[in-house]
């Protein structure tokens, strides 16, 4: 009987230990989660795209798509018409393009290149580098 009571006490102690350990582990993870989210958020560039024909604007964030030092892929300039490529702020690149399948990119001082989603049609697209990084180069790539 004493052996059963001892085993029962050990079982309850084990459950309490696991319960406390399980209770503190999520708390530690939850405390670390905001810091991880902040670090990940710095790896995203914001974009806005306005459809020239409808006037509708969409926005979002895009992850780094490669190193800024990588060669820009060549495109078919016969199918993509772009104009007014400029830096409206020190942190963003904007361009107006019309074509069947294309995307805009910006190279930032964090050493990364950020690509917009793929567009089809006539859009004005602006990509803003993650703070505090500046835009150093930009352009559009034909994917058709």
Protein backbone atom coordinates (compact mmCIF):
# COMPACT_ATOMS: atom_id res chain seq x y z
CA UNK A 1 0.00 0.00 0.00
CA UNK A 2 2.82 2.37 0.86
CA UNK A 3 4.36 1.63 -2.52
CA UNK A 4 1.11 2.56 -4.30
CA UNK A 5 0.84 5.82 -2.32
CA UNK A 6 4.46 6.65 -3.19
CA UNK A 7 3.79 5.97 -6.85
CA UNK A 8 0.65 8.08 -6.67
CA UNK A 9 2.60 10.99 -5.14
CA UNK A 10 5.28 10.63 -7.82
CA UNK A 11 2.60 10.56 -10.55
CA UNK A 12 0.93 13.71 -9.24
CA UNK A 13 4.32 15.40 -8.89
CA UNK A 14 5.15 14.45 -12.46
CA UNK A 15 1.83 15.83 -13.71
CA UNK A 16 2.35 19.08 -11.80
CA UNK A 17 5.88 19.38 -13.14
CA UNK A 18 4.72 18.75 -16.71
CA UNK A 19 1.82 21.10 -16.23
CA UNK A 20 4.06 23.87 -14.93
CA UNK A 21 6.70 23.17 -17.60
CA UNK A 22 4.07 23.11 -20.31
CA UNK A 23 2.59 26.31 -18.93
CA UNK A 24 5.86 28.21 -18.94
CA UNK A 25 7.04 27.03 -22.34
CA UNK A 26 4.24 28.76 -24.29
CA UNK A 27 4.72 31.90 -22.20
CA UNK A 28 8.40 32.00 -23.13
CA UNK A 29 7.52 31.42 -26.78
CA UNK A 30 4.85 34.09 -26.69
CA UNK A 31 7.32 36.58 -25.24
CA UNK A 32 9.83 35.79 -27.98
CA UNK A 33 7.24 35.88 -30.78
CA UNK A 34 6.91 39.71 -31.05
CA UNK A 35 10.68 40.07 -31.40
CA UNK A 36 10.73 37.40 -34.11
CA UNK A 37 7.84 39.10 -35.93
CA UNK A 38 9.64 42.45 -35.81
CA UNK A 39 12.81 40.93 -37.25
CA UNK A 40 10.84 39.24 -40.02
CA UNK A 41 8.89 42.40 -40.81
CA UNK A 42 12.14 44.23 -41.58
CA UNK A 43 12.74 41.76 -44.42
CA UNK A 44 9.66 42.92 -46.35
CA UNK A 45 9.21 45.83 -48.74
CA UNK A 46 5.83 47.48 -49.20
CA UNK A 47 4.30 48.03 -52.63
CA UNK A 48 1.31 49.80 -54.11
CA UNK A 49 -0.02 49.29 -57.61
CA UNK A 50 -2.60 51.43 -59.36
CA UNK A 51 -4.35 50.10 -62.44
CA UNK A 52 -4.23 53.05 -64.84
CA UNK A 53 -7.41 52.03 -66.65
CA UNK A 54 -9.65 51.34 -63.63
CA UNK A 55 -8.00 53.55 -61.01
CA UNK A 56 -8.05 50.68 -58.48
CA UNK A 57 -5.08 50.46 -56.11
CA UNK A 58 -3.79 47.37 -54.36
CA UNK A 59 -1.12 47.23 -51.65
CA UNK A 60 0.92 44.60 -49.92
CA UNK A 61 4.34 43.46 -48.77
CA UNK A 62 6.91 41.36 -50.57
CA UNK A 63 9.92 39.44 -49.23
CA UNK A 64 13.46 39.86 -50.49
CA UNK A 65 13.82 38.14 -53.86
CA UNK A 66 17.60 37.96 -54.11
CA UNK A 67 20.79 39.92 -53.71
CA UNK A 68 20.88 43.47 -55.08
CA UNK A 69 24.21 42.60 -56.72
CA UNK A 70 22.60 39.86 -58.88
CA UNK A 71 22.30 40.55 -62.59
CA UNK A 72 18.86 41.76 -63.64
CA UNK A 73 17.23 39.14 -65.86
CA UNK A 74 16.83 40.30 -69.46
CA UNK A 75 13.33 40.87 -70.74
CA UNK A 76 11.54 41.19 -74.04
CA UNK A 77 11.40 44.95 -74.50
CA UNK A 78 9.00 44.57 -77.44
CA UNK A 79 6.24 43.32 -75.15
CA UNK A 80 6.80 45.62 -72.16
CA UNK A 81 6.49 49.40 -72.39
CA UNK A 82 7.66 51.37 -69.34
CA UNK A 83 8.10 55.05 -68.60
CA UNK A 84 8.53 57.52 -65.76
CA UNK A 85 10.84 55.33 -63.70
CA UNK A 86 11.95 57.49 -60.77
CA UNK A 87 12.60 57.67 -57.03
CA UNK A 88 9.72 59.68 -55.51
CA UNK A 89 11.40 59.35 -52.10
CA UNK A 90 14.84 58.21 -51.02
CA UNK A 91 13.27 54.93 -49.92
CA UNK A 92 11.11 53.99 -52.93
CA UNK A 93 11.14 53.37 -56.67
CA UNK A 94 8.12 53.96 -58.92
CA UNK A 95 7.48 53.14 -62.57
CA UNK A 96 4.56 52.96 -65.02
CA UNK A 97 4.47 49.88 -67.27
CA UNK A 98 2.11 48.18 -69.69
CA UNK A 99 2.54 44.61 -70.86
CA UNK A 100 1.20 41.05 -70.73
CA UNK A 101 3.28 39.70 -67.78
CA UNK A 102 5.83 41.71 -65.80
CA UNK A 103 7.06 42.79 -62.36
CA UNK A 104 8.91 45.72 -60.82
CA UNK A 105 12.02 45.47 -58.67
CA UNK A 106 13.95 47.75 -56.33
CA UNK A 107 17.45 47.28 -54.95
CA UNK A 108 17.86 48.57 -51.40
CA UNK A 109 20.83 49.51 -49.24
CA UNK A 110 20.22 46.40 -47.11
CA UNK A 111 21.78 44.50 -50.05
CA UNK A 112 18.56 42.85 -51.19
CA UNK A 113 16.33 43.12 -54.26
CA UNK A 114 12.57 43.16 -53.79
CA UNK A 115 10.16 42.16 -56.58
CA UNK A 116 6.52 43.19 -56.87
CA UNK A 117 3.88 40.59 -57.63
CA UNK A 118 3.34 39.81 -61.32
CA UNK A 119 1.16 42.27 -63.24
CA UNK A 120 -0.65 42.09 -66.53
CA UNK A 121 -1.87 45.32 -68.06
CA UNK A 122 -1.16 49.00 -67.44
CA UNK A 123 -0.10 49.86 -63.85
CA UNK A 124 1.85 52.42 -61.85
CA UNK A 125 3.84 50.48 -59.24
CA UNK A 126 5.81 51.80 -56.27
CA UNK A 127 8.01 49.63 -54.03
CA UNK A 128 9.34 51.04 -50.75
CA UNK A 129 12.42 49.51 -49.12
CA UNK A 130 12.21 48.25 -45.54
CA UNK A 131 13.05 51.02 -43.06
CA UNK A 132 15.65 52.46 -42.69
CA UNK A 133 17.08 51.30 -46.03
CA UNK A 134 17.19 53.48 -49.14
CA UNK A 135 16.35 52.60 -52.73
CA UNK A 136 19.42 52.59 -54.99
CA UNK A 137 18.18 51.07 -58.26
CA UNK A 138 14.92 49.93 -59.78
CA UNK A 139 13.32 48.70 -62.94
CA UNK A 140 10.83 46.33 -64.50
CA UNK A 141 11.30 42.81 -65.84
CA UNK A 142 9.25 41.27 -68.63
CA UNK A 143 8.19 37.70 -67.80
CA UNK A 144 6.26 36.86 -70.97
